[in-house]
Amino acid sequence: MSDLPSTLQRIATAPDLASLDAERVSALGKSGWVTALLKTLGKMSPDERQSHGPAIQSQRAEVAAAIDARKAALEAAELDRKLATERVDLSLPAAEQPQGGVHPVSQVMDELAEIFADLGFAVAEGPEIESDWYNFTALNMPETHPARAMHDTFYFEPREGVEGTFVLRTHTSPVQIRAMQQVGAPLRVIAPGRVYRSDSDATHTPMFHQVEGLVIDRNITMGHLKWTLETFLKAFFERDDIAIRLRPSYFPFTEPSAEVDVGWSMENGRRVVGGSEGWMEVLGSGMVHPRVIAAAGLDPDEWQGFAFGTGIDRLAMLKYGMNDLRQFFDGDLRWLKHYGFSALAVPTLSAGVGA
C-alpha cells in the first residue's frame, strides 16, 4: 500500500540526518514499503507488470530524490552552523610536525667553509671518479707506489674507447691539481668531499669524507702552514688552549712532510681536544712537492706552497663526542636525532661555528 504523501512530508521535515536515515530505511530498506511494492511485481503477470510497474518505479525515484535533496540541505545547514559558531584560536601553538636534521658531516663541512673563508680560502670541487693520472701520477705516486694496490683502491673495469684507468678517488688531492690547472697561482683553496678506500672497521669505512687545503704563492714557508693550522683548529674546536706539534713524516706529494698532533685532556670522563694531557694525530701536512707543482703546469722555481688534509668524519667525532665511524652511515634516525643539527643552526664565526 502506497504511503508516498506522508513519507515525502516526513522526509521534507526531517530535523537531522539520523531522522532522515530512519525515513530512508522505512521506505527503501529491506522491509520498507517501496521495497514491498517492488517485490509484488515479481508475482504479477507480464501485462500487470507493464500496467503497475512504471507507477511503482516512479514512487521509488521520487522518494530517493527527496532524500537526496533533504540530505544536501541538512549538510549545508550544519556547515553554516559550524562556520557561524566555531573559531580557530590562532594564539595556540601549531601542532608539532616531524622535523629533519642536518647530518653532522654536512654541519662540519659548513663549519670548515666558514672558517677557511675568513682566512681567504675558496671551496674547490672535483669528480669522485678520477683518472689514475690525477689520483696518483700527478701527485708523485708512480705506478709501483703501494697506494695503487688493488686491495687499497676501487678500480673501474676498462671501457672500450676510453683511454686510461679510472678509480674512485682515494683522497681529494686530485682537486688540488685541477684547481692549479684551472686557476693558476696564487691560489688558496680547500677541497671537501667524499673519498673511497677498501677498508672497514670501527675507525674506517669504504666511503668517508676528507677536506684538504692548498696554498700556492711566492715565499710560502712551514711557518705559514703552522699558523694556518693552529688558527683553524682553535676556531673549529672553539678553544684557545689548542697546542699543536709537527712531527716529521712522509707523503709523496709533500716535502718536507709533517704529521700534526693536537693536545688533548680529559673532561667529564671524555677525551677532548684542548689542554696538554697528551697528544693525538689529527692532520697530515707539508710543503707541496715541486713535482706536484710542475704536474699542474706551474713553475716550481717560481711558486711554492703548503697542503694539509684530514678526515671530516674524524673531526666530527672529536668535536661532538661520537665513538664509531660506522654510525655515520647506518641511516639510523635515532642517531641523527641525537647528534644532528637544526637546519637553522647555521655556523658563523660571530655566533659560533658549532652553534
Protein backbone atom coordinates (compact mmCIF):
# COMPACT_ATOMS: atom_id res chain seq x y z
CA MET A 1 0.00 0.00 0.00
CA SER A 2 1.43 3.38 -1.02
CA ASP A 3 2.43 5.81 1.74
CA LEU A 4 4.04 8.31 -0.62
CA PRO A 5 2.48 11.64 0.51
CA SER A 6 3.16 11.13 4.23
CA THR A 7 6.65 9.76 3.50
CA LEU A 8 7.53 12.80 1.41
CA GLN A 9 6.19 15.05 4.16
CA ARG A 10 8.30 13.36 6.85
CA ILE A 11 11.38 13.49 4.62
CA ALA A 12 10.89 17.19 3.94
CA THR A 13 10.62 17.96 7.66
CA ALA A 14 13.30 15.58 8.96
CA PRO A 15 15.18 17.61 11.61
CA ASP A 16 18.54 15.87 11.26
CA LEU A 17 20.48 13.25 9.31
CA ALA A 18 19.62 10.48 11.76
CA SER A 19 15.85 11.05 11.32
CA LEU A 20 16.31 11.26 7.55
CA ASP A 21 18.13 7.91 7.51
CA ALA A 22 15.26 6.37 9.52
CA GLU A 23 12.83 7.51 6.79
CA ARG A 24 15.09 6.03 4.12
CA VAL A 25 15.08 2.64 5.86
CA SER A 26 11.28 2.84 6.34
CA ALA A 27 10.75 3.38 2.62
CA LEU A 28 13.67 1.87 0.78
CA GLY A 29 15.12 -0.61 3.28
CA LYS A 30 14.70 -4.39 3.09
CA SER A 31 11.34 -4.12 4.90
CA GLY A 32 10.36 -0.72 3.51
CA TRP A 33 7.01 -0.13 1.84
CA VAL A 34 8.57 0.83 -1.51
CA THR A 35 10.66 -2.36 -1.46
CA ALA A 36 7.48 -4.36 -0.68
CA LEU A 37 5.76 -2.85 -3.71
CA LEU A 38 8.76 -3.73 -5.91
CA LYS A 39 8.57 -7.34 -4.68
CA THR A 40 4.92 -7.60 -5.76
CA LEU A 41 5.98 -7.01 -9.36
CA GLY A 42 7.55 -10.46 -9.36
CA LYS A 43 4.20 -12.05 -8.62
CA MET A 44 2.30 -10.22 -11.39
CA SER A 45 1.69 -11.31 -14.93
CA PRO A 46 3.52 -9.52 -17.72
CA ASP A 47 0.51 -7.39 -18.52
CA GLU A 48 0.07 -6.40 -14.85
CA ARG A 49 3.78 -5.53 -14.53
CA GLN A 50 3.51 -3.38 -17.62
CA SER A 51 0.50 -1.63 -16.14
CA HIS A 52 1.62 -1.14 -12.50
CA GLY A 53 5.44 -1.18 -12.82
CA PRO A 54 6.02 2.39 -14.01
CA ALA A 55 3.98 3.85 -11.14
CA ILE A 56 5.89 1.86 -8.52
CA GLN A 57 9.29 2.76 -10.04
CA SER A 58 8.20 6.41 -10.14
CA GLN A 59 7.42 6.34 -6.39
CA ARG A 60 10.82 4.81 -5.68
CA ALA A 61 12.60 7.50 -7.71
CA GLU A 62 10.54 10.27 -6.05
CA VAL A 63 11.40 9.05 -2.55
CA ALA A 64 15.13 8.72 -3.39
CA ALA A 65 15.24 12.22 -4.90
CA ALA A 66 13.50 13.70 -1.87
CA ILE A 67 16.02 12.00 0.47
CA ASP A 68 18.99 13.30 -1.53
CA ALA A 69 17.60 16.85 -1.56
CA ARG A 70 16.90 16.88 2.18
CA LYS A 71 20.33 15.39 2.94
CA ALA A 72 22.05 18.13 0.96
CA ALA A 73 20.01 20.79 2.74
CA LEU A 74 20.78 19.38 6.20
CA GLU A 75 24.53 19.11 5.44
CA ALA A 76 24.62 22.69 4.16
CA ALA A 77 22.80 23.91 7.27
CA GLU A 78 25.27 22.04 9.51
CA LEU A 79 28.22 23.61 7.68
CA ASP A 80 26.70 27.07 8.05
CA ARG A 81 26.19 26.42 11.76
CA LYS A 82 29.85 25.41 12.21
CA LEU A 83 31.11 28.41 10.28
CA ALA A 84 28.98 30.71 12.42
CA THR A 85 29.81 29.18 15.80
CA GLU A 86 33.29 27.58 15.58
CA ARG A 87 36.51 29.59 15.67
CA VAL A 88 40.20 28.70 15.38
CA ASP A 89 42.32 30.04 18.24
CA LEU A 90 45.33 31.42 16.38
CA SER A 91 47.15 32.03 19.66
CA LEU A 92 47.53 28.27 20.25
CA PRO A 93 50.84 26.71 19.20
CA ALA A 94 50.76 24.81 15.94
CA ALA A 95 50.74 21.04 16.04
CA GLU A 96 54.25 19.63 16.18
CA GLN A 97 55.44 18.46 12.77
CA PRO A 98 58.17 15.89 12.08
CA GLN A 99 61.46 17.71 11.54
CA GLY A 100 64.55 16.62 9.68
CA GLY A 101 68.09 17.27 10.86
CA VAL A 102 71.36 18.32 9.30
CA HIS A 103 73.83 15.42 9.30
CA PRO A 104 76.98 16.08 11.38
CA VAL A 105 79.17 15.63 8.28
CA SER A 106 77.23 18.33 6.44
CA GLN A 107 77.39 20.56 9.50
CA VAL A 108 81.16 20.16 9.82
CA MET A 109 81.61 20.89 6.12
CA ASP A 110 79.74 24.16 6.63
CA GLU A 111 81.88 24.93 9.66
CA LEU A 112 85.06 24.32 7.68
CA ALA A 113 83.88 26.51 4.80
CA GLU A 114 83.03 29.32 7.24
CA ILE A 115 86.40 29.21 8.99
CA PHE A 116 88.53 28.98 5.87
CA ALA A 117 86.50 31.62 4.03
CA ASP A 118 87.53 34.00 6.81
CA LEU A 119 91.15 33.03 6.10
CA GLY A 120 90.76 33.80 2.39
CA PHE A 121 90.23 30.25 1.07
CA ALA A 122 87.75 29.32 -1.66
CA VAL A 123 85.98 25.94 -1.87
CA ALA A 124 87.05 23.76 -4.83
CA GLU A 125 85.34 20.60 -6.09
CA GLY A 126 86.19 17.77 -8.44
CA PRO A 127 84.82 14.44 -9.73
CA GLU A 128 84.62 11.40 -7.48
CA ILE A 129 85.54 9.11 -10.39
CA GLU A 130 89.11 10.08 -11.23
CA SER A 131 91.76 9.01 -13.69
CA ASP A 132 94.80 7.38 -12.17
CA TRP A 133 96.83 10.34 -13.50
CA TYR A 134 95.02 12.87 -11.31
CA ASN A 135 94.64 10.48 -8.37
CA PHE A 136 98.19 9.10 -8.37
CA THR A 137 100.68 10.13 -11.06
CA ALA A 138 100.26 13.91 -10.82
CA LEU A 139 100.65 13.60 -7.05
CA ASN A 140 104.09 12.00 -7.34
CA MET A 141 102.84 8.43 -6.87
CA PRO A 142 104.34 6.26 -9.65
CA GLU A 143 102.80 3.01 -10.90
CA THR A 144 104.79 0.99 -8.36
CA HIS A 145 103.53 3.00 -5.37
CA PRO A 146 101.75 0.84 -2.71
CA ALA A 147 98.70 3.15 -2.67
CA ARG A 148 97.80 1.82 -6.12
CA ALA A 149 97.35 -1.74 -4.82
CA MET A 150 94.02 -3.34 -5.76
CA HIS A 151 93.21 -4.10 -2.12
CA ASP A 152 93.51 -0.40 -1.24
CA THR A 153 91.64 1.17 -4.14
CA PHE A 154 88.35 0.70 -6.03
CA TYR A 155 89.25 0.37 -9.71
CA PHE A 156 86.84 0.52 -12.66
CA GLU A 157 86.87 -2.07 -15.40
CA PRO A 158 88.46 -0.75 -18.62
CA ARG A 159 85.90 0.59 -21.10
CA GLU A 160 86.18 0.30 -24.84
CA GLY A 161 87.01 3.64 -26.43
CA VAL A 162 88.03 5.24 -23.10
CA GLU A 163 91.74 5.71 -22.54
CA GLY A 164 93.37 5.40 -19.14
CA THR A 165 92.50 3.76 -15.86
CA PHE A 166 89.82 5.16 -13.57
CA VAL A 167 89.29 4.78 -9.82
CA LEU A 168 87.01 6.05 -7.10
CA ARG A 169 89.22 8.81 -5.76
CA THR A 170 91.12 7.82 -2.63
CA HIS A 171 91.58 11.42 -1.45
CA THR A 172 90.54 14.92 -2.52
CA SER A 173 94.12 15.75 -3.54
CA PRO A 174 93.23 15.48 -7.27
CA VAL A 175 91.14 18.61 -6.74
CA GLN A 176 94.38 20.44 -5.90
CA ILE A 177 95.83 19.55 -9.31
CA ARG A 178 92.63 20.59 -11.09
CA ALA A 179 92.48 23.88 -9.16
CA MET A 180 96.09 24.76 -10.06
CA GLN A 181 95.39 23.93 -13.71
CA GLN A 182 92.20 25.97 -13.84
CA VAL A 183 93.11 28.97 -11.66
CA GLY A 184 96.87 29.03 -11.66
CA ALA A 185 98.72 30.88 -8.92
CA PRO A 186 98.48 32.41 -6.39
CA LEU A 187 95.87 30.03 -5.01
CA ARG A 188 94.12 29.33 -1.70
CA VAL A 189 91.50 26.57 -1.71
CA ILE A 190 90.00 23.84 0.44
CA ALA A 191 88.62 20.68 -1.15
CA PRO A 192 85.98 18.86 0.95
CA GLY A 193 84.21 15.77 -0.35
CA ARG A 194 83.64 12.03 -0.41
CA VAL A 195 86.54 9.63 -0.90
CA TYR A 196 86.79 5.84 -1.14
CA ARG A 197 89.21 3.20 0.08
CA SER A 198 88.92 -0.55 0.52
CA ASP A 199 88.93 -0.54 4.31
CA SER A 200 86.31 -1.18 7.01
CA ASP A 201 86.41 -1.32 10.83
CA ALA A 202 85.35 0.84 13.80
CA THR A 203 87.51 3.73 12.62
CA HIS A 204 87.48 3.15 8.83
CA THR A 205 84.71 2.84 6.23
CA PRO A 206 84.93 2.20 2.47
CA MET A 207 83.44 5.65 1.90
CA PHE A 208 84.26 8.64 4.10
CA HIS A 209 84.82 12.38 3.87
CA GLN A 210 88.00 14.39 3.63
CA VAL A 211 88.99 18.03 3.47
CA GLU A 212 92.29 19.14 2.04
CA GLY A 213 93.76 22.61 1.86
CA LEU A 214 96.22 24.10 -0.59
CA VAL A 215 98.12 27.39 -0.67
CA ILE A 216 100.31 28.27 -3.66
CA ASP A 217 102.18 31.57 -3.68
CA ARG A 218 105.67 33.01 -3.56
CA ASN A 219 107.83 32.73 -0.44
CA ILE A 220 105.49 30.33 1.42
CA THR A 221 107.09 28.61 4.43
CA MET A 222 106.30 25.99 7.07
CA GLY A 223 105.64 28.90 9.41
CA HIS A 224 102.62 29.89 7.30
CA LEU A 225 101.42 26.29 7.46
CA LYS A 226 101.72 26.05 11.24
CA TRP A 227 99.92 29.36 11.81
CA THR A 228 97.09 28.38 9.44
CA LEU A 229 96.52 25.02 11.11
CA GLU A 230 96.70 26.44 14.62
CA THR A 231 94.22 29.19 13.73
CA PHE A 232 91.88 26.69 12.08
CA LEU A 233 91.91 24.23 14.99
CA LYS A 234 91.26 26.97 17.56
CA ALA A 235 88.29 28.24 15.55
CA PHE A 236 86.88 24.77 14.83
CA PHE A 237 87.09 23.39 18.37
CA GLU A 238 86.24 26.82 19.79
CA ARG A 239 89.04 26.71 22.36
CA ASP A 240 92.05 28.93 22.92
CA ASP A 241 94.12 26.26 24.70
CA ILE A 242 94.88 24.39 21.47
CA ALA A 243 98.51 23.29 21.23
CA ILE A 244 99.91 21.59 18.15
CA ARG A 245 103.18 19.93 17.24
CA LEU A 246 104.54 18.90 13.85
CA ARG A 247 106.26 15.52 13.59
CA PRO A 248 108.41 14.66 10.55
CA SER A 249 106.67 12.17 8.28
CA TYR A 250 106.45 11.10 4.64
CA PHE A 251 103.84 11.84 1.98
CA PRO A 252 104.70 11.51 -1.71
CA PHE A 253 103.04 14.82 -2.61
CA THR A 254 104.78 16.98 0.05
CA GLU A 255 108.40 17.54 1.02
CA PRO A 256 109.12 18.14 3.84
CA SER A 257 106.05 16.43 5.34
CA ALA A 258 104.67 16.50 8.86
CA GLU A 259 102.01 14.79 10.91
CA VAL A 260 100.08 17.31 13.02
CA ASP A 261 99.33 16.36 16.62
CA VAL A 262 96.99 18.30 18.87
CA GLY A 263 96.94 18.38 22.66
CA TRP A 264 94.06 16.73 24.50
CA SER A 265 92.70 16.49 28.03
CA MET A 266 90.02 14.58 29.95
CA GLU A 267 86.79 16.43 30.75
CA ASN A 268 83.78 14.72 32.39
CA GLY A 269 85.24 11.31 31.62
CA ARG A 270 85.72 12.08 27.91
CA ARG A 271 88.85 12.88 25.97
CA VAL A 272 88.50 16.28 24.29
CA VAL A 273 90.74 18.36 22.07
CA GLY A 274 92.50 21.08 24.05
CA GLY A 275 94.81 21.07 27.02
CA SER A 276 98.09 19.24 27.47
CA GLU A 277 97.50 15.79 28.99
CA GLY A 278 98.57 14.04 25.80
CA TRP A 279 98.87 14.22 22.02
CA MET A 280 96.73 12.81 19.21
CA GLU A 281 97.23 12.95 15.47
CA VAL A 282 94.58 14.93 13.55
CA LEU A 283 96.15 16.07 10.26
CA GLY A 284 98.75 15.37 7.63
CA SER A 285 100.59 18.29 6.05
CA GLY A 286 103.71 19.56 4.34
CA MET A 287 105.22 21.75 1.66
CA VAL A 288 103.91 20.88 -1.81
CA HIS A 289 106.42 18.74 -3.69
CA PRO A 290 107.98 20.52 -6.71
CA ARG A 291 106.94 17.60 -8.93
CA VAL A 292 103.28 18.15 -7.98
CA ILE A 293 103.51 21.85 -8.81
CA ALA A 294 105.14 21.03 -12.14
CA ALA A 295 102.50 18.38 -12.96
CA ALA A 296 99.83 21.06 -12.52
CA GLY A 297 101.55 23.26 -15.10
CA LEU A 298 103.23 25.75 -12.75
CA ASP A 299 106.92 26.60 -12.40
CA PRO A 300 108.21 25.15 -9.09
CA ASP A 301 111.13 27.56 -9.21
CA GLU A 302 108.69 30.47 -9.01
CA TRP A 303 105.83 29.05 -6.95
CA GLN A 304 105.73 27.04 -3.77
CA GLY A 305 103.14 26.29 -1.14
CA PHE A 306 101.77 24.02 1.55
CA ALA A 307 98.99 21.45 1.72
CA PHE A 308 97.15 19.66 4.52
CA GLY A 309 94.39 17.12 4.87
CA THR A 310 92.19 15.44 7.46
CA GLY A 311 89.03 13.37 7.77
CA ILE A 312 85.81 15.35 8.17
CA ASP A 313 84.13 12.42 9.92
CA ARG A 314 87.05 12.23 12.37
CA LEU A 315 86.77 15.95 13.12
CA ALA A 316 83.07 15.49 13.85
CA MET A 317 83.80 12.54 16.15
CA LEU A 318 86.39 14.53 18.13
CA LYS A 319 84.28 17.66 18.44
CA TYR A 320 80.87 16.14 19.14
CA GLY A 321 81.78 13.02 21.12
CA MET A 322 80.98 10.20 18.68
CA ASN A 323 82.82 6.92 19.06
CA ASP A 324 82.07 4.78 16.00
CA LEU A 325 82.61 5.97 12.43
CA ARG A 326 80.22 3.36 11.02
CA GLN A 327 77.25 5.00 12.74
CA PHE A 328 77.64 7.99 10.41
CA PHE A 329 76.36 5.84 7.54
CA ASP A 330 73.87 3.49 9.23
CA GLY A 331 70.86 5.67 8.38
CA ASP A 332 69.53 5.41 11.96
CA LEU A 333 67.15 8.34 12.53
CA ARG A 334 67.54 7.95 16.30
CA TRP A 335 71.27 8.61 15.93
CA LEU A 336 70.63 11.61 13.70
CA LYS A 337 68.03 12.98 16.11
CA HIS A 338 70.62 12.78 18.89
CA TYR A 339 73.65 14.11 17.02
CA GLY A 340 72.03 16.04 14.15
CA PHE A 341 71.67 19.79 13.86
CA SER A 342 68.73 22.06 13.25
CA ALA A 343 68.53 23.48 9.76
CA LEU A 344 68.59 26.92 11.40
CA ALA A 345 71.88 26.23 13.22
CA VAL A 346 73.99 27.83 10.51
CA PRO A 347 77.68 28.09 11.50
CA THR A 348 79.04 31.62 11.76
CA LEU A 349 82.23 32.92 13.31
CA SER A 350 80.33 35.55 15.27
CA ALA A 351 77.70 33.19 16.73
CA GLY A 352 79.99 30.16 16.98
CA VAL A 353 80.75 27.61 14.29
CA GLY A 354 79.21 24.85 16.41
CA ALA A 355 76.01 26.81 17.17
